[in-house]
Amino acid sequence: MRNQDVNASDDSTAAGGLRRLANTPGGAPATCTGRRGMIPRVRSNVKIALADGRTLGGVLALPAGACDPPVPGVIVLHEVFGPVPDILDAADRFAEHGYAALPPDLFSAGTRLGCLARAMIESSRGRPGRVTAAVEASRAWLAARGEIDAERLAIIGFCMGGGFALTYAAGSPPGLRAAAVNYGQVPADAESLRGVCPVVGSYGGRDRALGAQGERLREHLDRLGVEHDVKTYPQAGHSFMTDGHHPIGRLIYLPLHLGYEPRAAQDAWDRVFDFFARRLETAPNR
C-alpha cells in the first residue's frame, strides 16, 4: 500500500474513516475534497456471503478522513490473473477520488483453477452463471453498507472482468449508474446489452485478440441508443491501463501485446473518472 494508506483489520474500522462534507472540482464526487493523491485510503479485508452458503473474499478501499457518507460505490472486477496488486491499486485510485471501491476475489469461493475454468466457460457462453451471481452478491453487500449510497453505484472491469462488468450491467442491477469496460469481451448480439447503463470503454489497437471488440461495443451501444464513450488506443495493447508485471502472461499471450502504456492509461483513467463523476455525483431526486 502507498504512503497515505491506513491499514484496517476489518471493515468496521474502515467505516469510521469518512468525515467532513466538502465540494471538489476535477472528477471527485461532491462529497469529498482534494486532488487525486490528497485523500488517504483505508483498506480492509472483507467476506461476502453467497446464496449457496459459500463466501467470497474481497478488499474494501475507502477514502479516510476526507469524505462525508454516504459516498458512491464502485465494484472492481479483476483480470484473468486474479486480484493482483494492480487491481488493489485500481481500487485505491477510486478511494483517492472519494469512492468506496470493492474488488471481490472471483476465484476465492472454491479452488482457483476450478473457479477460473467456470469463469471462462461462463464468459464464452455469455449467459449468467456463478460469476455473475458473485458480482451481484458484491453489489448487494456494498449497497447494504450505511456509509455507501446504494443509488450511486458503478462497476469497472479489466479483461475477463471487463466482459463480466458489461454483461452484468446489461441486467439493470439496482443503483448501477455507469460501467467501465476495459479490453473486455463484447457479446455478438447487441440485444443482449439492452438495458445496460451508460458505458465508458477502452481498448488497445495492438491487441489482436480483443482490440476489435471496442468497435463492436461502440456499434452495439449506438444501435441501442445507450450513452457511451468508447475509445481505442492505436499504440496500446492488452492490459495497458495497469502497471502490472505478468511475465508468464507476456509469453502466453503474445498476440495481445500485453503491457502498460502510460499515455494511453492516463487518458483512459481520466475518461473513466470524468464519466463516473458526471453520473454518480448526485443521487436521483436530490
C-alpha atoms as a PDB file:
ATOM      1  CA  MET A   1       0.000   0.000   0.000  1.00  0.00           C
ATOM      2  CA  ARG A   2       1.108   3.549  -0.603  1.00  0.00           C
ATOM      3  CA  ASN A   3       2.322   6.092   1.959  1.00  0.00           C
ATOM      4  CA  GLN A   4      -1.091   7.600   2.646  1.00  0.00           C
ATOM      5  CA  ASP A   5      -2.866   4.279   3.086  1.00  0.00           C
ATOM      6  CA  VAL A   6      -4.243   3.390   6.505  1.00  0.00           C
ATOM      7  CA  ASN A   7      -4.377  -0.287   7.407  1.00  0.00           C
ATOM      8  CA  ALA A   8      -7.578  -1.724   8.860  1.00  0.00           C
ATOM      9  CA  SER A   9      -8.074  -5.193  10.203  1.00  0.00           C
ATOM     10  CA  ASP A  10     -11.803  -5.264   9.463  1.00  0.00           C
ATOM     11  CA  ASP A  11     -14.457  -3.269   7.668  1.00  0.00           C
ATOM     12  CA  SER A  12     -15.919  -1.793  10.846  1.00  0.00           C
ATOM     13  CA  THR A  13     -12.611   0.011  11.371  1.00  0.00           C
ATOM     14  CA  ALA A  14     -12.678   1.256   7.790  1.00  0.00           C
ATOM     15  CA  ALA A  15     -16.195   2.634   8.158  1.00  0.00           C
ATOM     16  CA  GLY A  16     -15.034   5.135  10.774  1.00  0.00           C
ATOM     17  CA  GLY A  17     -12.760   6.984   8.358  1.00  0.00           C
ATOM     18  CA  LEU A  18     -15.391   9.014   6.441  1.00  0.00           C
ATOM     19  CA  ARG A  19     -15.771  12.602   7.617  1.00  0.00           C
ATOM     20  CA  ARG A  20     -16.436  16.207   6.565  1.00  0.00           C
ATOM     21  CA  LEU A  21     -18.619  17.370   3.703  1.00  0.00           C
ATOM     22  CA  ALA A  22     -16.873  19.461   1.031  1.00  0.00           C
ATOM     23  CA  ASN A  23     -17.064  20.216  -2.683  1.00  0.00           C
ATOM     24  CA  THR A  24     -14.476  19.040  -5.195  1.00  0.00           C
ATOM     25  CA  PRO A  25     -13.703  20.062  -8.769  1.00  0.00           C
ATOM     26  CA  GLY A  26     -11.813  17.811 -11.127  1.00  0.00           C
ATOM     27  CA  GLY A  27     -13.555  14.467 -11.156  1.00  0.00           C
ATOM     28  CA  ALA A  28     -14.255  13.690  -7.499  1.00  0.00           C
ATOM     29  CA  PRO A  29     -17.792  13.337  -6.153  1.00  0.00           C
ATOM     30  CA  ALA A  30     -19.287  16.374  -4.418  1.00  0.00           C
ATOM     31  CA  THR A  31     -18.963  14.656  -1.030  1.00  0.00           C
ATOM     32  CA  CYS A  32     -15.154  14.807  -0.982  1.00  0.00           C
ATOM     33  CA  THR A  33     -12.315  17.266  -1.141  1.00  0.00           C
ATOM     34  CA  GLY A  34      -8.767  17.226  -2.513  1.00  0.00           C
ATOM     35  CA  ARG A  35      -6.931  16.272  -5.671  1.00  0.00           C
ATOM     36  CA  ARG A  36      -6.098  12.679  -6.526  1.00  0.00           C
ATOM     37  CA  GLY A  37      -3.374  11.611  -4.128  1.00  0.00           C
ATOM     38  CA  MET A  38      -4.546  14.023  -1.417  1.00  0.00           C
ATOM     39  CA  ILE A  39      -7.269  11.797   0.041  1.00  0.00           C
ATOM     40  CA  PRO A  40      -5.757   8.946   2.104  1.00  0.00           C
ATOM     41  CA  ARG A  41      -7.232   5.465   1.787  1.00  0.00           C
ATOM     42  CA  VAL A  42      -8.037   2.717   4.217  1.00  0.00           C
ATOM     43  CA  ARG A  43      -8.238  -0.909   3.111  1.00  0.00           C
ATOM     44  CA  SER A  44      -9.874  -3.798   4.888  1.00  0.00           C
ATOM     45  CA  ASN A  45     -10.314  -7.470   4.046  1.00  0.00           C
ATOM     46  CA  VAL A  46     -13.978  -8.487   3.829  1.00  0.00           C
ATOM     47  CA  LYS A  47     -16.118 -11.580   3.323  1.00  0.00           C
ATOM     48  CA  ILE A  48     -19.184 -11.578   1.077  1.00  0.00           C
ATOM     49  CA  ALA A  49     -21.884 -14.188   1.622  1.00  0.00           C
ATOM     50  CA  LEU A  50     -23.092 -16.076  -1.462  1.00  0.00           C
ATOM     51  CA  ALA A  51     -26.547 -17.564  -1.948  1.00  0.00           C
ATOM     52  CA  ASP A  52     -25.180 -21.132  -1.849  1.00  0.00           C
ATOM     53  CA  GLY A  53     -23.665 -20.644   1.595  1.00  0.00           C
ATOM     54  CA  ARG A  54     -20.092 -20.079   0.478  1.00  0.00           C
ATOM     55  CA  THR A  55     -18.203 -16.828   0.977  1.00  0.00           C
ATOM     56  CA  LEU A  56     -16.295 -14.644  -1.400  1.00  0.00           C
ATOM     57  CA  GLY A  57     -13.170 -12.816  -0.318  1.00  0.00           C
ATOM     58  CA  GLY A  58     -12.650  -9.170  -1.150  1.00  0.00           C
ATOM     59  CA  VAL A  59     -10.997  -5.910  -0.182  1.00  0.00           C
ATOM     60  CA  LEU A  60     -12.824  -2.687   0.620  1.00  0.00           C
ATOM     61  CA  ALA A  61     -10.980   0.563  -0.091  1.00  0.00           C
ATOM     62  CA  LEU A  62     -12.482   3.686   1.473  1.00  0.00           C
ATOM     63  CA  PRO A  63     -11.487   7.347   1.468  1.00  0.00           C
ATOM     64  CA  ALA A  64     -10.341   8.066   5.011  1.00  0.00           C
ATOM     65  CA  GLY A  65     -10.895  11.369   6.763  1.00  0.00           C
ATOM     66  CA  ALA A  66     -11.939  13.489   3.771  1.00  0.00           C
ATOM     67  CA  CYS A  67     -15.489  12.472   2.882  1.00  0.00           C
ATOM     68  CA  ASP A  68     -18.916  12.547   4.419  1.00  0.00           C
ATOM     69  CA  PRO A  69     -21.063   9.438   3.920  1.00  0.00           C
ATOM     70  CA  PRO A  70     -22.890   8.187   2.065  1.00  0.00           C
ATOM     71  CA  VAL A  71     -20.320   8.013  -0.744  1.00  0.00           C
ATOM     72  CA  PRO A  72     -20.733   6.359  -4.160  1.00  0.00           C
ATOM     73  CA  GLY A  73     -19.518   2.790  -4.569  1.00  0.00           C
ATOM     74  CA  VAL A  74     -17.599   1.005  -7.311  1.00  0.00           C
ATOM     75  CA  ILE A  75     -17.207  -2.742  -7.917  1.00  0.00           C
ATOM     76  CA  VAL A  76     -13.768  -3.506  -9.400  1.00  0.00           C
ATOM     77  CA  LEU A  77     -13.568  -6.770 -11.369  1.00  0.00           C
ATOM     78  CA  HIS A  78     -10.129  -8.298 -11.889  1.00  0.00           C
ATOM     79  CA  GLU A  79      -8.433  -9.801 -14.909  1.00  0.00           C
ATOM     80  CA  VAL A  80      -7.852 -13.498 -15.540  1.00  0.00           C
ATOM     81  CA  PHE A  81      -4.742 -13.176 -13.343  1.00  0.00           C
ATOM     82  CA  GLY A  82      -6.970 -12.637 -10.312  1.00  0.00           C
ATOM     83  CA  PRO A  83      -6.891  -9.803  -7.734  1.00  0.00           C
ATOM     84  CA  VAL A  84      -3.217  -8.965  -8.256  1.00  0.00           C
ATOM     85  CA  PRO A  85      -1.720  -5.807  -6.682  1.00  0.00           C
ATOM     86  CA  ASP A  86      -2.637  -3.808  -9.805  1.00  0.00           C
ATOM     87  CA  ILE A  87      -6.326  -4.369  -9.090  1.00  0.00           C
ATOM     88  CA  LEU A  88      -5.924  -3.239  -5.486  1.00  0.00           C
ATOM     89  CA  ASP A  89      -4.111  -0.163  -6.786  1.00  0.00           C
ATOM     90  CA  ALA A  90      -7.096   0.482  -9.064  1.00  0.00           C
ATOM     91  CA  ALA A  91      -9.359   0.326  -6.011  1.00  0.00           C
ATOM     92  CA  ASP A  92      -7.061   2.820  -4.279  1.00  0.00           C
ATOM     93  CA  ARG A  93      -7.463   5.182  -7.236  1.00  0.00           C
ATOM     94  CA  PHE A  94     -11.191   5.252  -6.647  1.00  0.00           C
ATOM     95  CA  ALA A  95     -10.796   5.746  -2.903  1.00  0.00           C
ATOM     96  CA  GLU A  96      -8.488   8.673  -3.616  1.00  0.00           C
ATOM     97  CA  HIS A  97     -11.302  10.217  -5.647  1.00  0.00           C
ATOM     98  CA  GLY A  98     -13.832   9.746  -2.862  1.00  0.00           C
ATOM     99  CA  TYR A  99     -15.440   6.448  -3.854  1.00  0.00           C
ATOM    100  CA  ALA A 100     -15.806   3.252  -1.854  1.00  0.00           C
ATOM    101  CA  ALA A 101     -14.237   0.537  -4.026  1.00  0.00           C
ATOM    102  CA  LEU A 102     -14.751  -3.207  -3.684  1.00  0.00           C
ATOM    103  CA  PRO A 103     -12.599  -5.636  -5.692  1.00  0.00           C
ATOM    104  CA  PRO A 104     -14.071  -9.094  -4.982  1.00  0.00           C
ATOM    105  CA  ASP A 105     -11.864 -12.144  -5.486  1.00  0.00           C
ATOM    106  CA  LEU A 106     -13.952 -14.043  -8.018  1.00  0.00           C
ATOM    107  CA  PHE A 107     -11.683 -17.087  -7.635  1.00  0.00           C
ATOM    108  CA  SER A 108     -11.993 -17.398  -3.845  1.00  0.00           C
ATOM    109  CA  ALA A 109     -15.209 -19.422  -3.477  1.00  0.00           C
ATOM    110  CA  GLY A 110     -13.638 -22.762  -4.358  1.00  0.00           C
ATOM    111  CA  THR A 111     -10.368 -23.882  -5.927  1.00  0.00           C
ATOM    112  CA  ARG A 112      -8.787 -21.171  -8.027  1.00  0.00           C
ATOM    113  CA  LEU A 113      -8.366 -23.470 -11.023  1.00  0.00           C
ATOM    114  CA  GLY A 114     -11.985 -24.584 -10.843  1.00  0.00           C
ATOM    115  CA  CYS A 115     -13.247 -21.016 -10.434  1.00  0.00           C
ATOM    116  CA  LEU A 116     -11.133 -19.858 -13.366  1.00  0.00           C
ATOM    117  CA  ALA A 117     -12.449 -22.659 -15.578  1.00  0.00           C
ATOM    118  CA  ARG A 118     -16.062 -21.855 -14.690  1.00  0.00           C
ATOM    119  CA  ALA A 119     -15.452 -18.163 -15.299  1.00  0.00           C
ATOM    120  CA  MET A 120     -14.030 -18.788 -18.768  1.00  0.00           C
ATOM    121  CA  ILE A 121     -16.937 -21.078 -19.681  1.00  0.00           C
ATOM    122  CA  GLU A 122     -19.467 -18.539 -18.454  1.00  0.00           C
ATOM    123  CA  SER A 123     -17.687 -15.772 -20.337  1.00  0.00           C
ATOM    124  CA  SER A 124     -17.673 -17.723 -23.601  1.00  0.00           C
ATOM    125  CA  ARG A 125     -21.377 -18.563 -23.302  1.00  0.00           C
ATOM    126  CA  GLY A 126     -22.362 -15.019 -22.433  1.00  0.00           C
ATOM    127  CA  ARG A 127     -25.062 -16.200 -20.032  1.00  0.00           C
ATOM    128  CA  PRO A 128     -25.301 -15.504 -16.280  1.00  0.00           C
ATOM    129  CA  GLY A 129     -23.764 -18.123 -14.004  1.00  0.00           C
ATOM    130  CA  ARG A 130     -21.774 -18.337 -10.763  1.00  0.00           C
ATOM    131  CA  VAL A 131     -19.542 -15.397 -11.576  1.00  0.00           C
ATOM    132  CA  THR A 132     -22.471 -13.129 -12.343  1.00  0.00           C
ATOM    133  CA  ALA A 133     -24.105 -14.282  -9.087  1.00  0.00           C
ATOM    134  CA  ALA A 134     -20.886 -13.419  -7.230  1.00  0.00           C
ATOM    135  CA  VAL A 135     -20.866  -9.943  -8.784  1.00  0.00           C
ATOM    136  CA  GLU A 136     -24.494  -9.431  -7.751  1.00  0.00           C
ATOM    137  CA  ALA A 137     -23.659 -10.558  -4.209  1.00  0.00           C
ATOM    138  CA  SER A 138     -20.833  -7.999  -4.198  1.00  0.00           C
ATOM    139  CA  ARG A 139     -23.188  -5.240  -5.324  1.00  0.00           C
ATOM    140  CA  ALA A 140     -25.755  -6.159  -2.669  1.00  0.00           C
ATOM    141  CA  TRP A 141     -23.046  -6.289   0.037  1.00  0.00           C
ATOM    142  CA  LEU A 142     -21.720  -2.880  -0.998  1.00  0.00           C
ATOM    143  CA  ALA A 143     -25.193  -1.347  -1.239  1.00  0.00           C
ATOM    144  CA  ALA A 144     -26.128  -2.575   2.242  1.00  0.00           C
ATOM    145  CA  ARG A 145     -23.369  -0.617   3.977  1.00  0.00           C
ATOM    146  CA  GLY A 146     -24.519   2.549   5.722  1.00  0.00           C
ATOM    147  CA  GLU A 147     -21.606   4.685   4.520  1.00  0.00           C
ATOM    148  CA  ILE A 148     -22.290   3.866   0.845  1.00  0.00           C
ATOM    149  CA  ASP A 149     -25.074   5.334  -1.294  1.00  0.00           C
ATOM    150  CA  ALA A 150     -26.926   2.362  -2.809  1.00  0.00           C
ATOM    151  CA  GLU A 151     -28.337   4.623  -5.516  1.00  0.00           C
ATOM    152  CA  ARG A 152     -24.894   5.717  -6.747  1.00  0.00           C
ATOM    153  CA  LEU A 153     -23.051   2.611  -7.839  1.00  0.00           C
ATOM    154  CA  ALA A 154     -20.758   1.823 -10.753  1.00  0.00           C
ATOM    155  CA  ILE A 155     -18.735  -1.125 -11.989  1.00  0.00           C
ATOM    156  CA  ILE A 156     -15.371  -1.365 -13.719  1.00  0.00           C
ATOM    157  CA  GLY A 157     -13.692  -4.442 -15.144  1.00  0.00           C
ATOM    158  CA  PHE A 158     -10.441  -5.341 -16.848  1.00  0.00           C
ATOM    159  CA  CYS A 159     -10.007  -8.104 -19.471  1.00  0.00           C
ATOM    160  CA  MET A 160     -12.153 -11.004 -18.211  1.00  0.00           C
ATOM    161  CA  GLY A 161     -13.614  -8.644 -15.612  1.00  0.00           C
ATOM    162  CA  GLY A 162     -14.449  -6.132 -18.325  1.00  0.00           C
ATOM    163  CA  GLY A 163     -16.604  -8.683 -20.111  1.00  0.00           C
ATOM    164  CA  PHE A 164     -18.402  -9.579 -16.892  1.00  0.00           C
ATOM    165  CA  ALA A 165     -18.870  -5.902 -15.999  1.00  0.00           C
ATOM    166  CA  LEU A 166     -20.616  -5.344 -19.330  1.00  0.00           C
ATOM    167  CA  THR A 167     -22.929  -8.338 -19.256  1.00  0.00           C
ATOM    168  CA  TYR A 168     -23.740  -7.777 -15.573  1.00  0.00           C
ATOM    169  CA  ALA A 169     -24.621  -4.127 -16.215  1.00  0.00           C
ATOM    170  CA  ALA A 170     -26.955  -5.219 -19.012  1.00  0.00           C
ATOM    171  CA  GLY A 171     -29.152  -6.841 -16.353  1.00  0.00           C
ATOM    172  CA  SER A 172     -30.029  -3.376 -14.963  1.00  0.00           C
ATOM    173  CA  PRO A 173     -28.890  -4.019 -11.358  1.00  0.00           C
ATOM    174  CA  PRO A 174     -30.391  -1.664  -8.741  1.00  0.00           C
ATOM    175  CA  GLY A 175     -28.444   1.551  -8.283  1.00  0.00           C
ATOM    176  CA  LEU A 176     -25.920   0.865 -11.066  1.00  0.00           C
ATOM    177  CA  ARG A 177     -25.470   4.101 -12.987  1.00  0.00           C
ATOM    178  CA  ALA A 178     -22.262   3.595 -15.005  1.00  0.00           C
ATOM    179  CA  ALA A 179     -19.978   0.813 -16.259  1.00  0.00           C
ATOM    180  CA  ALA A 180     -16.352   0.929 -17.395  1.00  0.00           C
ATOM    181  CA  VAL A 181     -15.330  -1.865 -19.771  1.00  0.00           C
ATOM    182  CA  ASN A 182     -11.603  -2.177 -20.402  1.00  0.00           C
ATOM    183  CA  TYR A 183     -10.433  -4.587 -23.119  1.00  0.00           C
ATOM    184  CA  GLY A 184     -13.291  -6.929 -22.291  1.00  0.00           C
ATOM    185  CA  GLN A 185     -15.272  -9.378 -24.425  1.00  0.00           C
ATOM    186  CA  VAL A 186     -18.440  -7.986 -26.054  1.00  0.00           C
ATOM    187  CA  PRO A 187     -21.449 -10.188 -26.901  1.00  0.00           C
ATOM    188  CA  ALA A 188     -22.106 -10.719 -30.597  1.00  0.00           C
ATOM    189  CA  ASP A 189     -25.784  -9.847 -30.260  1.00  0.00           C
ATOM    190  CA  ALA A 190     -26.482  -6.192 -29.496  1.00  0.00           C
ATOM    191  CA  GLU A 191     -29.855  -7.094 -27.993  1.00  0.00           C
ATOM    192  CA  SER A 192     -28.127  -8.895 -25.151  1.00  0.00           C
ATOM    193  CA  LEU A 193     -26.986  -5.463 -23.940  1.00  0.00           C
ATOM    194  CA  ARG A 194     -30.426  -3.849 -23.988  1.00  0.00           C
ATOM    195  CA  GLY A 195     -30.981  -2.234 -20.598  1.00  0.00           C
ATOM    196  CA  VAL A 196     -27.296  -1.526 -19.962  1.00  0.00           C
ATOM    197  CA  CYS A 197     -26.394   1.691 -18.146  1.00  0.00           C
ATOM    198  CA  PRO A 198     -24.080   4.330 -19.713  1.00  0.00           C
ATOM    199  CA  VAL A 199     -20.728   2.779 -20.658  1.00  0.00           C
ATOM    200  CA  VAL A 200     -17.163   4.067 -20.911  1.00  0.00           C
ATOM    201  CA  GLY A 201     -14.831   1.651 -22.688  1.00  0.00           C
ATOM    202  CA  SER A 202     -11.124   1.476 -23.528  1.00  0.00           C
ATOM    203  CA  TYR A 203      -9.323  -0.928 -25.897  1.00  0.00           C
ATOM    204  CA  GLY A 204      -5.819  -1.325 -27.314  1.00  0.00           C
ATOM    205  CA  GLY A 205      -5.357  -1.216 -31.072  1.00  0.00           C
ATOM    206  CA  ARG A 206      -2.355  -3.582 -30.894  1.00  0.00           C
ATOM    207  CA  ASP A 207      -4.416  -6.182 -29.028  1.00  0.00           C
ATOM    208  CA  ARG A 208      -5.069  -8.710 -31.820  1.00  0.00           C
ATOM    209  CA  ALA A 209      -7.393 -10.805 -29.684  1.00  0.00           C
ATOM    210  CA  LEU A 210      -9.740  -8.202 -28.194  1.00  0.00           C
ATOM    211  CA  GLY A 211      -8.826  -4.850 -29.746  1.00  0.00           C
ATOM    212  CA  ALA A 212     -11.611  -5.065 -32.335  1.00  0.00           C
ATOM    213  CA  GLN A 213     -14.158  -5.562 -29.564  1.00  0.00           C
ATOM    214  CA  GLY A 214     -14.101  -1.813 -28.961  1.00  0.00           C
ATOM    215  CA  GLU A 215     -15.684  -1.119 -32.339  1.00  0.00           C
ATOM    216  CA  ARG A 216     -18.270  -3.833 -31.755  1.00  0.00           C
ATOM    217  CA  LEU A 217     -19.153  -2.285 -28.394  1.00  0.00           C
ATOM    218  CA  ARG A 218     -19.471   1.157 -29.953  1.00  0.00           C
ATOM    219  CA  GLU A 219     -21.743  -0.172 -32.716  1.00  0.00           C
ATOM    220  CA  HIS A 220     -23.944  -2.049 -30.241  1.00  0.00           C
ATOM    221  CA  LEU A 221     -24.394   0.965 -27.982  1.00  0.00           C
ATOM    222  CA  ASP A 222     -25.093   3.254 -30.948  1.00  0.00           C
ATOM    223  CA  ARG A 223     -27.754   0.837 -32.144  1.00  0.00           C
ATOM    224  CA  LEU A 224     -29.360   0.645 -28.708  1.00  0.00           C
ATOM    225  CA  GLY A 225     -29.170   4.396 -28.097  1.00  0.00           C
ATOM    226  CA  VAL A 226     -27.086   3.968 -24.943  1.00  0.00           C
ATOM    227  CA  GLU A 227     -24.903   6.850 -23.808  1.00  0.00           C
ATOM    228  CA  HIS A 228     -21.249   5.864 -24.179  1.00  0.00           C
ATOM    229  CA  ASP A 229     -17.622   6.887 -24.555  1.00  0.00           C
ATOM    230  CA  VAL A 230     -15.655   4.080 -26.218  1.00  0.00           C
ATOM    231  CA  LYS A 231     -12.092   4.677 -27.399  1.00  0.00           C
ATOM    232  CA  THR A 232      -9.415   2.506 -28.989  1.00  0.00           C
ATOM    233  CA  TYR A 233      -5.763   3.493 -28.459  1.00  0.00           C
ATOM    234  CA  PRO A 234      -3.656   2.553 -31.525  1.00  0.00           C
ATOM    235  CA  GLN A 235      -0.368   2.489 -29.576  1.00  0.00           C
ATOM    236  CA  ALA A 236      -1.638   0.246 -26.770  1.00  0.00           C
ATOM    237  CA  GLY A 237      -2.058  -3.498 -26.397  1.00  0.00           C
ATOM    238  CA  HIS A 238      -3.896  -5.588 -23.831  1.00  0.00           C
ATOM    239  CA  SER A 239      -3.858  -4.703 -20.088  1.00  0.00           C
ATOM    240  CA  PHE A 240      -2.444  -1.273 -20.879  1.00  0.00           C
ATOM    241  CA  MET A 241      -4.212   0.533 -18.009  1.00  0.00           C
ATOM    242  CA  THR A 242      -2.468  -1.155 -15.071  1.00  0.00           C
ATOM    243  CA  ASP A 243       1.240  -1.164 -14.365  1.00  0.00           C
ATOM    244  CA  GLY A 244       1.472  -4.915 -13.891  1.00  0.00           C
ATOM    245  CA  HIS A 245       4.237  -7.446 -14.290  1.00  0.00           C
ATOM    246  CA  HIS A 246       2.906 -10.598 -15.909  1.00  0.00           C
ATOM    247  CA  PRO A 247       5.965 -12.379 -17.371  1.00  0.00           C
ATOM    248  CA  ILE A 248       4.049 -15.623 -17.941  1.00  0.00           C
ATOM    249  CA  GLY A 249       1.163 -13.730 -19.471  1.00  0.00           C
ATOM    250  CA  ARG A 250       3.516 -11.915 -21.820  1.00  0.00           C
ATOM    251  CA  LEU A 251       4.825 -15.221 -23.119  1.00  0.00           C
ATOM    252  CA  ILE A 252       1.472 -16.972 -23.426  1.00  0.00           C
ATOM    253  CA  TYR A 253      -0.489 -14.054 -24.835  1.00  0.00           C
ATOM    254  CA  LEU A 254       1.937 -12.669 -27.391  1.00  0.00           C
ATOM    255  CA  PRO A 255      -0.808 -11.595 -29.869  1.00  0.00           C
ATOM    256  CA  LEU A 256      -2.291  -9.382 -27.155  1.00  0.00           C
ATOM    257  CA  HIS A 257       0.895  -7.232 -26.885  1.00  0.00           C
ATOM    258  CA  LEU A 258       0.196  -7.222 -23.147  1.00  0.00           C
ATOM    259  CA  GLY A 259       1.681  -4.379 -21.128  1.00  0.00           C
ATOM    260  CA  TYR A 260       1.287  -0.965 -19.543  1.00  0.00           C
ATOM    261  CA  GLU A 261       1.157   2.033 -21.883  1.00  0.00           C
ATOM    262  CA  PRO A 262       1.391   5.170 -19.705  1.00  0.00           C
ATOM    263  CA  ARG A 263      -0.019   7.789 -22.084  1.00  0.00           C
ATOM    264  CA  ALA A 264      -2.992   5.698 -23.096  1.00  0.00           C
ATOM    265  CA  ALA A 265      -3.520   4.607 -19.487  1.00  0.00           C
ATOM    266  CA  GLN A 266      -3.595   8.175 -18.192  1.00  0.00           C
ATOM    267  CA  ASP A 267      -6.114   9.246 -20.811  1.00  0.00           C
ATOM    268  CA  ALA A 268      -8.287   6.175 -20.194  1.00  0.00           C
ATOM    269  CA  TRP A 269      -8.325   6.729 -16.424  1.00  0.00           C
ATOM    270  CA  ASP A 270      -9.152  10.409 -16.897  1.00  0.00           C
ATOM    271  CA  ARG A 271     -12.107   9.423 -19.079  1.00  0.00           C
ATOM    272  CA  VAL A 272     -13.320   6.867 -16.528  1.00  0.00           C
ATOM    273  CA  PHE A 273     -13.267   9.339 -13.644  1.00  0.00           C
ATOM    274  CA  ASP A 274     -14.890  12.077 -15.693  1.00  0.00           C
ATOM    275  CA  PHE A 275     -17.609   9.691 -16.898  1.00  0.00           C
ATOM    276  CA  PHE A 276     -18.280   8.342 -13.395  1.00  0.00           C
ATOM    277  CA  ALA A 277     -18.249  11.769 -11.736  1.00  0.00           C
ATOM    278  CA  ARG A 278     -20.931  13.113 -14.063  1.00  0.00           C
ATOM    279  CA  ARG A 279     -23.232  10.149 -13.368  1.00  0.00           C
ATOM    280  CA  LEU A 280     -22.580   9.493  -9.687  1.00  0.00           C
ATOM    281  CA  GLU A 281     -22.087  12.991  -8.306  1.00  0.00           C
ATOM    282  CA  THR A 282     -25.657  13.312  -7.024  1.00  0.00           C
ATOM    283  CA  ALA A 283     -28.338  10.728  -6.296  1.00  0.00           C
ATOM    284  CA  PRO A 284     -31.733  10.837  -8.048  1.00  0.00           C
ATOM    285  CA  ASN A 285     -34.272  13.334  -6.685  1.00  0.00           C
ATOM    286  CA  ARG A 286     -31.724  15.152  -4.550  1.00  0.00           C
END
